[in-house]
Amino acid sequence: MEDEDAQPIVVVTFPADAEIRQAFDEGSGGVASLVYLESTPEQDRDAVLRSARALLSWNPPKELTPEELQALGEGQMIQLISAGADQVPFADIPESVVVAGNVGAYAEPMAEHVMAMGLALAKELPQRQDALARGEFRQRPATRSIADLVVGILGFGGIGKATAALFRGLGTRINAINTSGQTDDKVDFVGTLADLDTFLRDSDIVVIAVPLTNDTRGLIGRRELELMKPDAILINVARGGIVDERALYEHLRDHPEFSAGIDAWWVEPFDGGEFRTEFPFFELPNLLGSPHDSALVPGIEAVAARRAAENVLFFIWGDPVRGVVRREDYQD
């Protein structure tokens, strides 16, 4: 008979260092019993997973077998440490299992990264450094002022709102796209994906901060890029698959006044075991790239771990859970 006074078991499915373990302890507040799968004998894995109220996971298909995922059931939760859920194999997970992304955990550093890319591209820093390297001391034409530009944020969740707060301080106007078409934040326009064409036409800087779902995969293609201003800036800190790779490369190549800051790539080590591009992006002077590190600042892993553990407690207590994933957004 199950001991009703026993603490609920929360299983951590990935290797966690001392800092992450401490953050999990702090986030769980002593309410749950944390079990680390890496320290669990192989013969005990199945029993431990079946007894868990929740799992804390980075990348479920790499940490658990399909059979282990399929054995989960009613009253159980998978809490992701990552914000996105596009790596989750929903076909292997029973529908009764709640899956939640770690929404907002990385918002502040990612917003800083977006602003850094936006300013660098608006001031043409990559292009002007290349010119200097060629011996060209070119001060004209002048670069743009950020004030009064329209920053369009595609995906107005935690990352989008933090980005808007930074840009607003520079005097920009903020246009936003989210699922409801409503927000309490100060914006000049808010709409849904139905307003995407107008949103793209009006924006000087477009920030992609939306999850990769069935609705957003390939959302920005050749047609959408042609709708944007000739000197627009596109910044993607979400997922590579939201933008058509060939279309973006050809648009950058054929429109040198257009520029892009890319932090999220189409093939990355996290899911593909390597980094590669299908087109020679790095030969283009109007591209600024980073290795999907926009969220990575000192201590952020502990912040994310603590926030994830707190969300597990909401689930255990029956309180509203942040970031619950809608399976239909990811499954065919």
Protein backbone atom coordinates (compact mmCIF):
# COMPACT_ATOMS: atom_id res chain seq x y z
CA MET A 1 0.00 0.00 0.00
CA GLU A 2 1.35 3.44 -0.96
CA ASP A 3 2.48 5.63 1.93
CA GLU A 4 0.33 8.75 1.71
CA ASP A 5 2.79 10.68 3.90
CA ALA A 6 5.79 9.91 1.67
CA GLN A 7 7.25 12.75 -0.32
CA PRO A 8 6.45 12.71 -4.04
CA ILE A 9 9.37 11.47 -6.15
CA VAL A 10 10.83 13.71 -8.85
CA VAL A 11 13.33 12.02 -11.18
CA VAL A 12 16.12 13.98 -12.87
CA THR A 13 16.82 12.16 -16.13
CA PHE A 14 20.07 13.87 -17.18
CA PRO A 15 23.53 14.18 -15.59
CA ALA A 16 23.48 17.17 -13.24
CA ASP A 17 26.46 18.86 -11.63
CA ALA A 18 26.57 20.14 -8.05
CA GLU A 19 25.28 23.62 -8.98
CA ILE A 20 22.25 22.20 -10.80
CA ARG A 21 21.52 19.76 -7.97
CA GLN A 22 21.57 22.59 -5.47
CA ALA A 23 19.20 24.61 -7.67
CA PHE A 24 16.81 21.65 -7.87
CA ASP A 25 16.96 21.30 -4.07
CA GLU A 26 16.17 25.01 -3.65
CA GLY A 27 13.39 24.94 -6.23
CA SER A 28 11.71 21.88 -4.74
CA GLY A 29 11.85 23.41 -1.25
CA GLY A 30 12.23 20.04 0.46
CA VAL A 31 8.70 19.08 -0.62
CA ALA A 32 9.76 16.43 -3.15
CA SER A 33 12.30 13.64 -3.05
CA LEU A 34 14.79 14.10 -5.89
CA VAL A 35 16.18 10.96 -7.53
CA TYR A 36 18.95 11.18 -10.12
CA LEU A 37 18.67 8.60 -12.86
CA GLU A 38 22.43 8.65 -13.50
CA SER A 39 22.91 7.28 -9.95
CA THR A 40 20.13 4.71 -10.18
CA PRO A 41 21.12 1.05 -10.75
CA GLU A 42 19.97 -0.21 -14.13
CA GLN A 43 17.70 -2.83 -12.58
CA ASP A 44 15.85 -0.12 -10.62
CA ARG A 45 15.23 2.35 -13.48
CA ASP A 46 11.76 1.10 -14.43
CA ALA A 47 10.49 1.11 -10.86
CA VAL A 48 11.89 4.58 -10.18
CA LEU A 49 10.34 6.04 -13.33
CA ARG A 50 6.95 4.44 -12.62
CA SER A 51 6.97 5.84 -9.07
CA ALA A 52 7.78 9.41 -10.13
CA ARG A 53 5.23 12.20 -10.02
CA ALA A 54 7.42 14.22 -12.36
CA LEU A 55 10.55 14.03 -14.49
CA LEU A 56 13.01 16.88 -14.96
CA SER A 57 14.49 16.43 -18.43
CA TRP A 58 16.73 18.27 -20.90
CA ASN A 59 16.23 16.10 -23.97
CA PRO A 60 13.81 13.21 -23.35
CA PRO A 61 14.60 11.06 -26.44
CA LYS A 62 18.31 11.06 -25.56
CA GLU A 63 17.76 10.34 -21.86
CA LEU A 64 14.93 7.80 -21.93
CA THR A 65 14.06 4.91 -24.23
CA PRO A 66 10.75 4.89 -26.14
CA GLU A 67 9.62 2.04 -23.88
CA GLU A 68 10.36 4.07 -20.75
CA LEU A 69 8.43 7.03 -22.12
CA GLN A 70 5.50 4.82 -23.12
CA ALA A 71 5.35 3.37 -19.60
CA LEU A 72 4.63 6.77 -18.05
CA GLY A 73 1.02 7.41 -17.22
CA GLU A 74 -1.73 9.33 -15.49
CA GLY A 75 -0.63 11.75 -12.77
CA GLN A 76 2.87 12.15 -14.17
CA MET A 77 4.60 15.17 -15.67
CA ILE A 78 7.66 15.84 -17.82
CA GLN A 79 9.14 19.24 -17.01
CA LEU A 80 11.66 20.37 -19.59
CA ILE A 81 14.69 22.42 -18.64
CA SER A 82 14.66 23.92 -22.12
CA ALA A 83 12.01 26.43 -23.14
CA GLY A 84 11.17 24.73 -26.44
CA ALA A 85 9.43 21.36 -26.84
CA ASP A 86 10.11 20.58 -30.50
CA GLN A 87 12.56 17.82 -29.51
CA VAL A 88 9.92 15.89 -27.52
CA PRO A 89 8.73 12.58 -29.10
CA PHE A 90 5.04 13.04 -28.30
CA ALA A 91 4.09 9.86 -30.16
CA ASP A 92 5.95 7.88 -27.47
CA ILE A 93 4.38 9.69 -24.51
CA PRO A 94 0.87 8.80 -23.29
CA GLU A 95 -1.62 11.64 -23.62
CA SER A 96 -2.30 11.57 -19.89
CA VAL A 97 1.27 12.79 -19.18
CA VAL A 98 1.59 16.57 -18.80
CA VAL A 99 4.55 18.09 -20.68
CA ALA A 100 5.70 21.63 -19.81
CA GLY A 101 8.39 23.85 -21.30
CA ASN A 102 10.56 26.07 -19.12
CA VAL A 103 9.03 29.25 -20.50
CA GLY A 104 10.65 32.54 -19.59
CA ALA A 105 13.64 30.94 -17.87
CA TYR A 106 16.14 32.40 -20.33
CA ALA A 107 14.30 35.60 -21.28
CA GLU A 108 16.66 38.27 -19.93
CA PRO A 109 19.97 37.06 -21.43
CA MET A 110 18.28 36.24 -24.72
CA ALA A 111 16.80 39.75 -24.88
CA GLU A 112 20.30 41.18 -24.33
CA HIS A 113 21.61 39.04 -27.20
CA VAL A 114 18.81 40.20 -29.50
CA MET A 115 19.57 43.82 -28.71
CA ALA A 116 23.31 43.28 -29.28
CA MET A 117 22.62 41.74 -32.70
CA GLY A 118 20.09 44.41 -33.61
CA LEU A 119 22.42 47.27 -32.73
CA ALA A 120 25.41 45.67 -34.46
CA LEU A 121 23.45 45.15 -37.68
CA ALA A 122 21.74 48.56 -37.61
CA LYS A 123 25.17 50.14 -37.22
CA GLU A 124 26.58 47.80 -39.93
CA LEU A 125 29.42 46.72 -37.66
CA PRO A 126 30.17 43.45 -39.51
CA GLN A 127 30.21 45.19 -42.90
CA ARG A 128 32.34 48.12 -41.70
CA GLN A 129 34.89 45.87 -40.05
CA ASP A 130 35.19 43.94 -43.34
CA ALA A 131 35.73 47.25 -45.16
CA LEU A 132 38.44 48.28 -42.69
CA ALA A 133 40.13 44.92 -43.17
CA ARG A 134 40.28 45.74 -46.89
CA GLY A 135 41.84 49.12 -46.10
CA GLU A 136 38.64 51.09 -46.73
CA PHE A 137 37.99 53.87 -44.19
CA ARG A 138 34.36 54.44 -45.16
CA GLN A 139 32.22 56.71 -42.95
CA ARG A 140 29.40 57.28 -45.44
CA PRO A 141 26.60 56.57 -45.86
CA ALA A 142 25.72 57.06 -42.23
CA THR A 143 24.24 54.18 -40.25
CA ARG A 144 20.74 54.23 -38.84
CA SER A 145 19.53 55.61 -35.54
CA ILE A 146 17.61 53.06 -33.48
CA ALA A 147 15.13 55.62 -32.14
CA ASP A 148 11.79 55.53 -33.95
CA LEU A 149 12.51 52.22 -35.71
CA VAL A 150 9.73 49.64 -35.55
CA VAL A 151 10.79 46.46 -33.77
CA GLY A 152 8.42 43.63 -34.63
CA ILE A 153 8.49 40.75 -32.17
CA LEU A 154 7.14 37.47 -33.50
CA GLY A 155 6.29 35.53 -30.36
CA PHE A 156 5.41 37.81 -27.46
CA GLY A 157 6.11 35.52 -24.50
CA GLY A 158 8.84 35.87 -21.92
CA ILE A 159 11.65 36.42 -24.42
CA GLY A 160 9.59 38.76 -26.57
CA LYS A 161 8.46 40.89 -23.65
CA ALA A 162 11.98 41.17 -22.22
CA THR A 163 13.24 42.17 -25.67
CA ALA A 164 10.52 44.78 -26.03
CA ALA A 165 11.44 46.31 -22.67
CA LEU A 166 15.07 46.81 -23.76
CA PHE A 167 14.26 48.22 -27.19
CA ARG A 168 11.54 50.46 -25.85
CA GLY A 169 14.16 52.17 -23.72
CA LEU A 170 15.91 53.23 -26.93
CA GLY A 171 12.81 54.96 -28.26
CA THR A 172 11.63 52.29 -30.69
CA ARG A 173 8.06 51.41 -31.48
CA ILE A 174 7.00 47.85 -30.67
CA ASN A 175 4.74 45.66 -32.79
CA ALA A 176 3.91 42.19 -31.46
CA ILE A 177 2.46 38.90 -32.68
CA ASN A 178 1.14 36.31 -30.23
CA THR A 179 -1.57 33.64 -30.16
CA SER A 180 -4.34 35.78 -28.65
CA GLY A 181 -3.76 39.13 -30.34
CA GLN A 182 -3.94 40.77 -26.91
CA THR A 183 -1.40 41.91 -24.30
CA ASP A 184 -1.24 44.10 -21.22
CA ASP A 185 2.28 45.22 -22.18
CA LYS A 186 2.86 48.61 -23.77
CA VAL A 187 2.98 48.03 -27.53
CA ASP A 188 2.05 50.03 -30.62
CA PHE A 189 0.38 47.04 -32.27
CA VAL A 190 -0.50 43.49 -31.27
CA GLY A 191 -1.95 40.85 -33.57
CA THR A 192 -1.90 37.16 -34.44
CA LEU A 193 -0.32 35.19 -37.28
CA ALA A 194 -3.26 36.31 -39.39
CA ASP A 195 -1.62 39.77 -39.34
CA LEU A 196 1.82 38.49 -40.32
CA ASP A 197 2.02 40.18 -43.74
CA THR A 198 1.28 43.65 -42.36
CA PHE A 199 3.57 43.02 -39.42
CA LEU A 200 6.49 42.13 -41.72
CA ARG A 201 5.91 45.11 -44.03
CA ASP A 202 5.90 47.58 -41.13
CA SER A 203 8.90 46.31 -39.15
CA ASP A 204 12.47 47.60 -39.42
CA ILE A 205 13.75 44.84 -37.12
CA VAL A 206 11.95 41.49 -36.94
CA VAL A 207 12.74 39.30 -33.92
CA ILE A 208 11.75 35.64 -34.09
CA ALA A 209 11.01 34.38 -30.57
CA VAL A 210 8.16 31.98 -31.30
CA PRO A 211 8.26 28.20 -30.64
CA LEU A 212 8.82 25.80 -33.52
CA THR A 213 5.41 24.16 -34.01
CA ASN A 214 3.32 22.85 -36.88
CA ASP A 215 2.09 26.39 -37.48
CA THR A 216 5.49 28.07 -37.41
CA ARG A 217 7.70 25.56 -39.24
CA GLY A 218 8.83 27.27 -42.46
CA LEU A 219 6.78 30.34 -41.52
CA ILE A 220 9.32 32.78 -42.97
CA GLY A 221 10.02 31.86 -46.57
CA ARG A 222 10.75 33.62 -49.84
CA ARG A 223 7.38 35.39 -50.00
CA GLU A 224 7.60 36.66 -46.43
CA LEU A 225 11.15 37.91 -46.86
CA GLU A 226 10.11 39.84 -49.97
CA LEU A 227 7.40 41.55 -47.93
CA MET A 228 9.98 43.02 -45.57
CA LYS A 229 11.68 46.38 -46.05
CA PRO A 230 14.77 46.32 -48.30
CA ASP A 231 17.00 47.29 -45.35
CA ALA A 232 15.18 45.29 -42.68
CA ILE A 233 16.98 43.26 -40.04
CA LEU A 234 15.87 39.71 -39.20
CA ILE A 235 17.00 38.19 -35.89
CA ASN A 236 16.27 34.55 -35.03
CA VAL A 237 16.89 33.33 -31.47
CA ALA A 238 14.16 30.68 -31.58
CA ARG A 239 14.61 27.70 -33.93
CA GLY A 240 16.20 27.48 -37.37
CA GLY A 241 13.26 25.58 -38.85
CA ILE A 242 10.99 28.63 -38.57
CA VAL A 243 12.91 30.22 -41.46
CA ASP A 244 13.44 28.62 -44.87
CA GLU A 245 17.23 28.21 -45.10
CA ARG A 246 17.59 28.55 -48.88
CA ALA A 247 15.20 31.49 -49.03
CA LEU A 248 17.11 33.39 -46.34
CA TYR A 249 20.50 32.74 -47.91
CA GLU A 250 19.36 33.86 -51.35
CA HIS A 251 17.60 36.93 -49.94
CA LEU A 252 20.73 37.99 -48.05
CA ARG A 253 22.89 37.34 -51.10
CA ASP A 254 20.63 39.28 -53.48
CA HIS A 255 19.73 42.14 -51.10
CA PRO A 256 22.94 43.45 -49.50
CA GLU A 257 21.07 46.17 -47.56
CA PHE A 258 19.04 43.45 -45.80
CA SER A 259 20.78 41.77 -42.85
CA ALA A 260 20.23 38.90 -40.43
CA GLY A 261 21.39 37.86 -36.99
CA ILE A 262 21.16 34.10 -36.59
CA ASP A 263 21.56 32.36 -33.24
CA ALA A 264 19.37 29.32 -34.01
CA TRP A 265 20.53 27.12 -36.91
CA TRP A 266 18.96 24.38 -38.98
CA VAL A 267 21.36 21.58 -38.01
CA GLU A 268 22.94 21.81 -34.56
CA PRO A 269 24.77 19.39 -32.25
CA PHE A 270 21.81 19.25 -29.84
CA ASP A 271 19.68 17.22 -32.24
CA GLY A 272 21.84 16.38 -35.24
CA GLY A 273 25.20 15.63 -33.73
CA GLU A 274 26.93 18.34 -35.74
CA PHE A 275 26.71 21.91 -36.96
CA ARG A 276 26.39 22.59 -40.65
CA THR A 277 24.69 24.89 -43.13
CA GLU A 278 23.56 23.98 -46.63
CA PHE A 279 24.61 27.37 -48.02
CA PRO A 280 27.74 29.54 -47.57
CA PHE A 281 26.19 32.01 -45.14
CA PHE A 282 29.52 33.03 -43.68
CA GLU A 283 30.71 34.41 -46.99
CA LEU A 284 28.00 37.07 -46.71
CA PRO A 285 28.92 40.42 -45.13
CA ASN A 286 25.33 41.10 -44.04
CA LEU A 287 25.10 38.06 -41.74
CA LEU A 288 25.95 38.03 -38.04
CA GLY A 289 25.97 34.57 -36.44
CA SER A 290 26.32 33.07 -32.99
CA PRO A 291 26.36 29.40 -31.88
CA HIS A 292 22.90 29.24 -30.26
CA ASP A 293 24.36 30.71 -27.09
CA SER A 294 22.00 33.65 -26.61
CA ALA A 295 20.72 32.20 -23.32
CA LEU A 296 24.10 31.22 -21.91
CA VAL A 297 25.36 33.61 -19.27
CA PRO A 298 26.96 32.67 -15.93
CA GLY A 299 24.49 31.03 -13.56
CA ILE A 300 21.64 30.70 -16.07
CA GLU A 301 21.55 26.90 -15.87
CA ALA A 302 20.90 27.13 -12.14
CA VAL A 303 18.22 29.78 -12.69
CA ALA A 304 16.50 27.53 -15.24
CA ALA A 305 16.80 24.46 -13.00
CA ARG A 306 15.30 26.29 -10.04
CA ARG A 307 12.44 27.62 -12.13
CA ALA A 308 11.73 24.15 -13.54
CA ALA A 309 11.65 22.61 -10.06
CA GLU A 310 9.26 25.31 -8.88
CA ASN A 311 6.94 24.49 -11.78
CA VAL A 312 6.99 20.83 -10.76
CA LEU A 313 5.78 21.89 -7.32
CA PHE A 314 2.88 23.76 -8.91
CA PHE A 315 1.95 20.48 -10.63
CA ILE A 316 2.23 18.46 -7.41
CA TRP A 317 0.14 20.99 -5.48
CA GLY A 318 -2.49 21.21 -8.21
CA ASP A 319 -1.72 24.86 -8.94
CA PRO A 320 -1.61 26.31 -12.49
CA VAL A 321 1.49 25.07 -14.32
CA ARG A 322 3.54 27.35 -16.57
CA GLY A 323 4.26 26.41 -20.15
CA VAL A 324 2.02 23.37 -20.59
CA VAL A 325 2.54 22.16 -24.15
CA ARG A 326 -0.36 21.58 -26.55
CA ARG A 327 0.43 18.29 -28.27
CA GLU A 328 -1.56 19.22 -31.35
CA ASP A 329 0.95 22.00 -32.00
CA TYR A 330 3.68 19.40 -32.52
CA GLN A 331 2.04 16.18 -33.68
CA ASP A 332 0.91 15.50 -37.25
